[in-house]
Full PDB file with SEQRES, HELIX, SHEET, SSBOND, CRYST1, ORIGX, SCALE, CONECT and MASTER records, all heavy atoms in Angstrom:
SEQRES   1 A   31  HIS VAL VAL ALA MET PHE ALA PRO SER PHE LEU THR GLY          
SEQRES   2 A   31  PHE VAL ILE LYS ARG ILE GLY ALA THR ALA VAL VAL ALA          
SEQRES   3 A   31  SER GLY LEU ILE LEU                                          
HELIX    1 AA1 VAL A    2  PHE A    6  1                                   5    
HELIX    2 AA2 SER A    9  ILE A   19  1                                  11    
HELIX    3 AA3 ALA A   21  ILE A   30  1                                  10    
CRYST1    1.000    1.000    1.000  90.00  90.00  90.00 P 1           1          
ORIGX1      1.000000  0.000000  0.000000        0.00000                         
ORIGX2      0.000000  1.000000  0.000000        0.00000                         
ORIGX3      0.000000  0.000000  1.000000        0.00000                         
SCALE1      1.000000  0.000000  0.000000        0.00000                         
SCALE2      0.000000  1.000000  0.000000        0.00000                         
SCALE3      0.000000  0.000000  1.000000        0.00000                         
ATOM      1  N   HIS A   1       0.825  -1.199  -0.020  1.00  0.00           N  
ATOM      2  CA  HIS A   1       0.006  -0.015   0.001  1.00  0.00           C  
ATOM      3  C   HIS A   1       0.894   1.249  -0.005  1.00  0.00           C  
ATOM      4  O   HIS A   1       0.645   2.205  -0.785  1.00  0.00           O  
ATOM      5  CB  HIS A   1      -0.884   0.007   1.238  1.00  0.00           C  
ATOM      6  CG  HIS A   1      -1.538   1.361   1.526  1.00  0.00           C  
ATOM      7  ND1 HIS A   1      -2.503   1.903   0.739  1.00  0.00           N  
ATOM      8  CD2 HIS A   1      -1.314   2.206   2.539  1.00  0.00           C  
ATOM      9  CE1 HIS A   1      -2.847   3.071   1.238  1.00  0.00           C  
ATOM     10  NE2 HIS A   1      -2.140   3.289   2.312  1.00  0.00           N  
ATOM     11  N   VAL A   2       1.881   1.289   0.830  1.00  0.00           N  
ATOM     12  CA  VAL A   2       2.752   2.437   0.939  1.00  0.00           C  
ATOM     13  C   VAL A   2       3.597   2.604  -0.358  1.00  0.00           C  
ATOM     14  O   VAL A   2       3.835   3.722  -0.844  1.00  0.00           O  
ATOM     15  CB  VAL A   2       3.682   2.368   2.169  1.00  0.00           C  
ATOM     16  CG1 VAL A   2       4.639   3.540   2.244  1.00  0.00           C  
ATOM     17  CG2 VAL A   2       2.814   2.318   3.448  1.00  0.00           C  
ATOM     18  N   VAL A   3       4.011   1.460  -0.940  1.00  0.00           N  
ATOM     19  CA  VAL A   3       4.677   1.492  -2.264  1.00  0.00           C  
ATOM     20  C   VAL A   3       3.760   2.208  -3.274  1.00  0.00           C  
ATOM     21  O   VAL A   3       4.227   3.099  -4.038  1.00  0.00           O  
ATOM     22  CB  VAL A   3       5.050   0.094  -2.728  1.00  0.00           C  
ATOM     23  CG1 VAL A   3       5.485   0.136  -4.192  1.00  0.00           C  
ATOM     24  CG2 VAL A   3       6.170  -0.501  -1.873  1.00  0.00           C  
ATOM     25  N   ALA A   4       2.513   1.815  -3.295  1.00  0.00           N  
ATOM     26  CA  ALA A   4       1.590   2.417  -4.246  1.00  0.00           C  
ATOM     27  C   ALA A   4       1.326   3.878  -3.931  1.00  0.00           C  
ATOM     28  O   ALA A   4       0.993   4.650  -4.862  1.00  0.00           O  
ATOM     29  CB  ALA A   4       0.225   1.650  -4.220  1.00  0.00           C  
ATOM     30  N   MET A   5       1.418   4.272  -2.666  1.00  0.00           N  
ATOM     31  CA  MET A   5       1.257   5.673  -2.342  1.00  0.00           C  
ATOM     32  C   MET A   5       2.335   6.568  -2.952  1.00  0.00           C  
ATOM     33  O   MET A   5       2.079   7.685  -3.369  1.00  0.00           O  
ATOM     34  CB  MET A   5       1.308   5.865  -0.812  1.00  0.00           C  
ATOM     35  CG  MET A   5       0.051   5.386  -0.067  1.00  0.00           C  
ATOM     36  SD  MET A   5       0.220   5.481   1.724  1.00  0.00           S  
ATOM     37  CE  MET A   5       0.393   7.277   1.957  1.00  0.00           C  
ATOM     38  N   PHE A   6       3.568   6.043  -3.041  1.00  0.00           N  
ATOM     39  CA  PHE A   6       4.686   6.896  -3.407  1.00  0.00           C  
ATOM     40  C   PHE A   6       5.366   6.539  -4.715  1.00  0.00           C  
ATOM     41  O   PHE A   6       6.027   7.436  -5.274  1.00  0.00           O  
ATOM     42  CB  PHE A   6       5.731   6.860  -2.267  1.00  0.00           C  
ATOM     43  CG  PHE A   6       5.182   7.404  -0.961  1.00  0.00           C  
ATOM     44  CD1 PHE A   6       4.882   6.551   0.102  1.00  0.00           C  
ATOM     45  CD2 PHE A   6       4.879   8.738  -0.829  1.00  0.00           C  
ATOM     46  CE1 PHE A   6       4.401   7.066   1.294  1.00  0.00           C  
ATOM     47  CE2 PHE A   6       4.372   9.252   0.330  1.00  0.00           C  
ATOM     48  CZ  PHE A   6       4.125   8.421   1.421  1.00  0.00           C  
ATOM     49  N   ALA A   7       5.273   5.329  -5.191  1.00  0.00           N  
ATOM     50  CA  ALA A   7       5.944   4.941  -6.458  1.00  0.00           C  
ATOM     51  C   ALA A   7       5.495   5.815  -7.633  1.00  0.00           C  
ATOM     52  O   ALA A   7       6.321   6.204  -8.471  1.00  0.00           O  
ATOM     53  CB  ALA A   7       5.746   3.474  -6.740  1.00  0.00           C  
ATOM     54  N   PRO A   8       4.188   6.150  -7.772  1.00  0.00           N  
ATOM     55  CA  PRO A   8       3.802   6.984  -8.892  1.00  0.00           C  
ATOM     56  C   PRO A   8       4.409   8.420  -8.861  1.00  0.00           C  
ATOM     57  O   PRO A   8       4.319   9.101  -9.867  1.00  0.00           O  
ATOM     58  CB  PRO A   8       2.247   7.048  -8.750  1.00  0.00           C  
ATOM     59  CG  PRO A   8       1.869   5.857  -7.937  1.00  0.00           C  
ATOM     60  CD  PRO A   8       3.023   5.667  -6.976  1.00  0.00           C  
ATOM     61  N   SER A   9       4.994   8.775  -7.725  1.00  0.00           N  
ATOM     62  CA  SER A   9       5.492  10.131  -7.600  1.00  0.00           C  
ATOM     63  C   SER A   9       6.601  10.469  -8.584  1.00  0.00           C  
ATOM     64  O   SER A   9       6.848  11.629  -8.865  1.00  0.00           O  
ATOM     65  CB  SER A   9       5.982  10.379  -6.160  1.00  0.00           C  
ATOM     66  OG  SER A   9       4.954  10.259  -5.222  1.00  0.00           O  
ATOM     67  N   PHE A  10       7.265   9.421  -9.140  1.00  0.00           N  
ATOM     68  CA  PHE A  10       8.280   9.653 -10.157  1.00  0.00           C  
ATOM     69  C   PHE A  10       7.655  10.305 -11.412  1.00  0.00           C  
ATOM     70  O   PHE A  10       8.346  10.998 -12.197  1.00  0.00           O  
ATOM     71  CB  PHE A  10       8.984   8.376 -10.525  1.00  0.00           C  
ATOM     72  CG  PHE A  10       9.922   7.841  -9.434  1.00  0.00           C  
ATOM     73  CD1 PHE A  10       9.534   6.754  -8.672  1.00  0.00           C  
ATOM     74  CD2 PHE A  10      11.134   8.460  -9.218  1.00  0.00           C  
ATOM     75  CE1 PHE A  10      10.383   6.275  -7.675  1.00  0.00           C  
ATOM     76  CE2 PHE A  10      11.997   7.981  -8.234  1.00  0.00           C  
ATOM     77  CZ  PHE A  10      11.628   6.885  -7.473  1.00  0.00           C  
ATOM     78  N   LEU A  11       6.401  10.061 -11.611  1.00  0.00           N  
ATOM     79  CA  LEU A  11       5.713  10.531 -12.834  1.00  0.00           C  
ATOM     80  C   LEU A  11       4.615  11.523 -12.602  1.00  0.00           C  
ATOM     81  O   LEU A  11       4.273  12.307 -13.506  1.00  0.00           O  
ATOM     82  CB  LEU A  11       5.072   9.329 -13.580  1.00  0.00           C  
ATOM     83  CG  LEU A  11       6.057   8.227 -14.048  1.00  0.00           C  
ATOM     84  CD1 LEU A  11       5.265   7.080 -14.655  1.00  0.00           C  
ATOM     85  CD2 LEU A  11       7.040   8.799 -15.076  1.00  0.00           C  
ATOM     86  N   THR A  12       4.020  11.580 -11.351  1.00  0.00           N  
ATOM     87  CA  THR A  12       2.825  12.409 -11.121  1.00  0.00           C  
ATOM     88  C   THR A  12       3.111  13.878 -11.441  1.00  0.00           C  
ATOM     89  O   THR A  12       2.248  14.532 -12.047  1.00  0.00           O  
ATOM     90  CB  THR A  12       2.378  12.256  -9.657  1.00  0.00           C  
ATOM     91  OG1 THR A  12       2.211  10.874  -9.376  1.00  0.00           O  
ATOM     92  CG2 THR A  12       1.068  12.992  -9.442  1.00  0.00           C  
ATOM     93  N   GLY A  13       4.260  14.386 -11.028  1.00  0.00           N  
ATOM     94  CA  GLY A  13       4.553  15.788 -11.271  1.00  0.00           C  
ATOM     95  C   GLY A  13       4.600  16.124 -12.762  1.00  0.00           C  
ATOM     96  O   GLY A  13       4.117  17.205 -13.204  1.00  0.00           O  
ATOM     97  N   PHE A  14       5.209  15.234 -13.574  1.00  0.00           N  
ATOM     98  CA  PHE A  14       5.275  15.462 -15.008  1.00  0.00           C  
ATOM     99  C   PHE A  14       3.875  15.380 -15.629  1.00  0.00           C  
ATOM    100  O   PHE A  14       3.588  16.143 -16.577  1.00  0.00           O  
ATOM    101  CB  PHE A  14       6.235  14.439 -15.626  1.00  0.00           C  
ATOM    102  CG  PHE A  14       7.631  14.603 -15.214  1.00  0.00           C  
ATOM    103  CD1 PHE A  14       8.169  13.763 -14.236  1.00  0.00           C  
ATOM    104  CD2 PHE A  14       8.442  15.582 -15.749  1.00  0.00           C  
ATOM    105  CE1 PHE A  14       9.485  13.892 -13.826  1.00  0.00           C  
ATOM    106  CE2 PHE A  14       9.771  15.704 -15.342  1.00  0.00           C  
ATOM    107  CZ  PHE A  14      10.310  14.887 -14.374  1.00  0.00           C  
ATOM    108  N   VAL A  15       3.043  14.490 -15.117  1.00  0.00           N  
ATOM    109  CA  VAL A  15       1.677  14.353 -15.613  1.00  0.00           C  
ATOM    110  C   VAL A  15       0.907  15.675 -15.313  1.00  0.00           C  
ATOM    111  O   VAL A  15       0.129  16.167 -16.156  1.00  0.00           O  
ATOM    112  CB  VAL A  15       0.929  13.130 -14.998  1.00  0.00           C  
ATOM    113  CG1 VAL A  15      -0.505  13.104 -15.456  1.00  0.00           C  
ATOM    114  CG2 VAL A  15       1.659  11.875 -15.442  1.00  0.00           C  
ATOM    115  N   ILE A  16       1.114  16.237 -14.087  1.00  0.00           N  
ATOM    116  CA  ILE A  16       0.456  17.445 -13.763  1.00  0.00           C  
ATOM    117  C   ILE A  16       0.861  18.596 -14.707  1.00  0.00           C  
ATOM    118  O   ILE A  16       0.042  19.394 -15.141  1.00  0.00           O  
ATOM    119  CB  ILE A  16       0.770  17.832 -12.310  1.00  0.00           C  
ATOM    120  CG1 ILE A  16       0.099  16.866 -11.333  1.00  0.00           C  
ATOM    121  CG2 ILE A  16       0.326  19.264 -11.965  1.00  0.00           C  
ATOM    122  CD1 ILE A  16       0.473  17.040  -9.874  1.00  0.00           C  
ATOM    123  N   LYS A  17       2.168  18.656 -15.053  1.00  0.00           N  
ATOM    124  CA  LYS A  17       2.628  19.661 -15.975  1.00  0.00           C  
ATOM    125  C   LYS A  17       1.981  19.489 -17.335  1.00  0.00           C  
ATOM    126  O   LYS A  17       1.749  20.485 -18.039  1.00  0.00           O  
ATOM    127  CB  LYS A  17       4.175  19.585 -16.124  1.00  0.00           C  
ATOM    128  CG  LYS A  17       4.962  20.239 -14.979  1.00  0.00           C  
ATOM    129  CD  LYS A  17       6.448  20.058 -15.186  1.00  0.00           C  
ATOM    130  CE  LYS A  17       6.972  20.787 -16.443  1.00  0.00           C  
ATOM    131  NZ  LYS A  17       6.858  22.257 -16.322  1.00  0.00           N  
ATOM    132  N   ARG A  18       1.629  18.276 -17.686  1.00  0.00           N  
ATOM    133  CA  ARG A  18       1.052  18.050 -19.007  1.00  0.00           C  
ATOM    134  C   ARG A  18      -0.437  18.240 -19.109  1.00  0.00           C  
ATOM    135  O   ARG A  18      -0.946  18.874 -20.019  1.00  0.00           O  
ATOM    136  CB  ARG A  18       1.433  16.622 -19.471  1.00  0.00           C  
ATOM    137  CG  ARG A  18       0.995  16.315 -20.891  1.00  0.00           C  
ATOM    138  CD  ARG A  18       1.504  14.983 -21.382  1.00  0.00           C  
ATOM    139  NE  ARG A  18       1.123  14.677 -22.733  1.00  0.00           N  
ATOM    140  CZ  ARG A  18       1.735  15.111 -23.823  1.00  0.00           C  
ATOM    141  NH1 ARG A  18       2.823  15.878 -23.703  1.00  0.00           N  
ATOM    142  NH2 ARG A  18       1.325  14.800 -25.018  1.00  0.00           N  
ATOM    143  N   ILE A  19      -1.189  17.692 -18.123  1.00  0.00           N  
ATOM    144  CA  ILE A  19      -2.649  17.721 -18.203  1.00  0.00           C  
ATOM    145  C   ILE A  19      -3.308  18.584 -17.137  1.00  0.00           C  
ATOM    146  O   ILE A  19      -4.495  18.785 -17.173  1.00  0.00           O  
ATOM    147  CB  ILE A  19      -3.254  16.324 -18.197  1.00  0.00           C  
ATOM    148  CG1 ILE A  19      -3.037  15.626 -16.825  1.00  0.00           C  
ATOM    149  CG2 ILE A  19      -2.673  15.448 -19.290  1.00  0.00           C  
ATOM    150  CD1 ILE A  19      -3.729  14.304 -16.665  1.00  0.00           C  
ATOM    151  N   GLY A  20      -2.496  19.035 -16.178  1.00  0.00           N  
ATOM    152  CA  GLY A  20      -3.058  19.918 -15.119  1.00  0.00           C  
ATOM    153  C   GLY A  20      -3.399  19.179 -13.862  1.00  0.00           C  
ATOM    154  O   GLY A  20      -3.680  17.988 -13.864  1.00  0.00           O  
ATOM    155  N   ALA A  21      -3.332  19.930 -12.768  1.00  0.00           N  
ATOM    156  CA  ALA A  21      -3.571  19.324 -11.455  1.00  0.00           C  
ATOM    157  C   ALA A  21      -4.994  18.863 -11.272  1.00  0.00           C  
ATOM    158  O   ALA A  21      -5.250  17.821 -10.626  1.00  0.00           O  
ATOM    159  CB  ALA A  21      -3.204  20.313 -10.333  1.00  0.00           C  
ATOM    160  N   THR A  22      -5.976  19.586 -11.831  1.00  0.00           N  
ATOM    161  CA  THR A  22      -7.357  19.222 -11.617  1.00  0.00           C  
ATOM    162  C   THR A  22      -7.681  17.851 -12.185  1.00  0.00           C  
ATOM    163  O   THR A  22      -8.390  17.041 -11.579  1.00  0.00           O  
ATOM    164  CB  THR A  22      -8.302  20.293 -12.256  1.00  0.00           C  
ATOM    165  OG1 THR A  22      -7.961  21.561 -11.699  1.00  0.00           O  
ATOM    166  CG2 THR A  22      -9.753  19.980 -11.979  1.00  0.00           C  
ATOM    167  N   ALA A  23      -7.148  17.570 -13.396  1.00  0.00           N  
ATOM    168  CA  ALA A  23      -7.409  16.260 -13.995  1.00  0.00           C  
ATOM    169  C   ALA A  23      -6.757  15.151 -13.230  1.00  0.00           C  
ATOM    170  O   ALA A  23      -7.305  14.043 -13.111  1.00  0.00           O  
ATOM    171  CB  ALA A  23      -6.886  16.278 -15.458  1.00  0.00           C  
ATOM    172  N   VAL A  24      -5.606  15.419 -12.660  1.00  0.00           N  
ATOM    173  CA  VAL A  24      -4.924  14.418 -11.853  1.00  0.00           C  
ATOM    174  C   VAL A  24      -5.679  14.132 -10.581  1.00  0.00           C  
ATOM    175  O   VAL A  24      -5.815  12.974 -10.169  1.00  0.00           O  
ATOM    176  CB  VAL A  24      -3.452  14.862 -11.559  1.00  0.00           C  
ATOM    177  CG1 VAL A  24      -2.813  13.908 -10.526  1.00  0.00           C  
ATOM    178  CG2 VAL A  24      -2.647  14.863 -12.847  1.00  0.00           C  
ATOM    179  N   VAL A  25      -6.212  15.173  -9.960  1.00  0.00           N  
ATOM    180  CA  VAL A  25      -7.025  14.976  -8.754  1.00  0.00           C  
ATOM    181  C   VAL A  25      -8.259  14.153  -9.082  1.00  0.00           C  
ATOM    182  O   VAL A  25      -8.660  13.262  -8.328  1.00  0.00           O  
ATOM    183  CB  VAL A  25      -7.437  16.314  -8.153  1.00  0.00           C  
ATOM    184  CG1 VAL A  25      -8.447  16.130  -7.025  1.00  0.00           C  
ATOM    185  CG2 VAL A  25      -6.191  17.043  -7.593  1.00  0.00           C  
ATOM    186  N   ALA A  26      -8.898  14.465 -10.223  1.00  0.00           N  
ATOM    187  CA  ALA A  26     -10.095  13.691 -10.607  1.00  0.00           C  
ATOM    188  C   ALA A  26      -9.767  12.210 -10.809  1.00  0.00           C  
ATOM    189  O   ALA A  26     -10.557  11.324 -10.390  1.00  0.00           O  
ATOM    190  CB  ALA A  26     -10.646  14.283 -11.896  1.00  0.00           C  
ATOM    191  N   SER A  27      -8.628  11.910 -11.399  1.00  0.00           N  
ATOM    192  CA  SER A  27      -8.178  10.530 -11.556  1.00  0.00           C  
ATOM    193  C   SER A  27      -7.996   9.872 -10.190  1.00  0.00           C  
ATOM    194  O   SER A  27      -8.306   8.706 -10.007  1.00  0.00           O  
ATOM    195  CB  SER A  27      -6.870  10.459 -12.367  1.00  0.00           C  
ATOM    196  OG  SER A  27      -7.034  11.038 -13.642  1.00  0.00           O  
ATOM    197  N   GLY A  28      -7.457  10.626  -9.253  1.00  0.00           N  
ATOM    198  CA  GLY A  28      -7.284  10.077  -7.898  1.00  0.00           C  
ATOM    199  C   GLY A  28      -8.585   9.700  -7.229  1.00  0.00           C  
ATOM    200  O   GLY A  28      -8.693   8.657  -6.590  1.00  0.00           O  
ATOM    201  N   LEU A  29      -9.603  10.559  -7.386  1.00  0.00           N  
ATOM    202  CA  LEU A  29     -10.896  10.278  -6.818  1.00  0.00           C  
ATOM    203  C   LEU A  29     -11.509   9.007  -7.417  1.00  0.00           C  
ATOM    204  O   LEU A  29     -12.141   8.192  -6.708  1.00  0.00           O  
ATOM    205  CB  LEU A  29     -11.862  11.457  -7.022  1.00  0.00           C  
ATOM    206  CG  LEU A  29     -11.503  12.753  -6.244  1.00  0.00           C  
ATOM    207  CD1 LEU A  29     -12.476  13.844  -6.626  1.00  0.00           C  
ATOM    208  CD2 LEU A  29     -11.467  12.538  -4.755  1.00  0.00           C  
ATOM    209  N   ILE A  30     -11.338   8.827  -8.726  1.00  0.00           N  
ATOM    210  CA  ILE A  30     -11.862   7.611  -9.369  1.00  0.00           C  
ATOM    211  C   ILE A  30     -11.181   6.377  -8.805  1.00  0.00           C  
ATOM    212  O   ILE A  30     -11.814   5.338  -8.495  1.00  0.00           O  
ATOM    213  CB  ILE A  30     -11.647   7.700 -10.889  1.00  0.00           C  
ATOM    214  CG1 ILE A  30     -12.539   8.791 -11.492  1.00  0.00           C  
ATOM    215  CG2 ILE A  30     -11.946   6.372 -11.570  1.00  0.00           C  
ATOM    216  CD1 ILE A  30     -12.253   9.088 -12.938  1.00  0.00           C  
ATOM    217  N   LEU A  31      -9.868   6.454  -8.603  1.00  0.00           N  
ATOM    218  CA  LEU A  31      -9.109   5.311  -8.070  1.00  0.00           C  
ATOM    219  C   LEU A  31      -9.536   5.037  -6.613  1.00  0.00           C  
ATOM    220  O   LEU A  31      -9.615   3.870  -6.206  1.00  0.00           O  
ATOM    221  CB  LEU A  31      -7.631   5.537  -8.179  1.00  0.00           C  
ATOM    222  CG  LEU A  31      -7.037   5.515  -9.587  1.00  0.00           C  
ATOM    223  CD1 LEU A  31      -5.602   5.964  -9.574  1.00  0.00           C  
ATOM    224  CD2 LEU A  31      -7.162   4.099 -10.180  1.00  0.00           C  
TER     225      LEU A  31                                                      
MASTER        0    0    0    3    0    0    0    6  224    1    0    3          
END                                                                             
């Protein structure tokens, strides 16, 4: 569980730069 909490962090920031923070938050709520 903790691995899953932090492993995506290598990519999350770059995804935010590309599609925006709001879209990333929405994806988080779906998950």
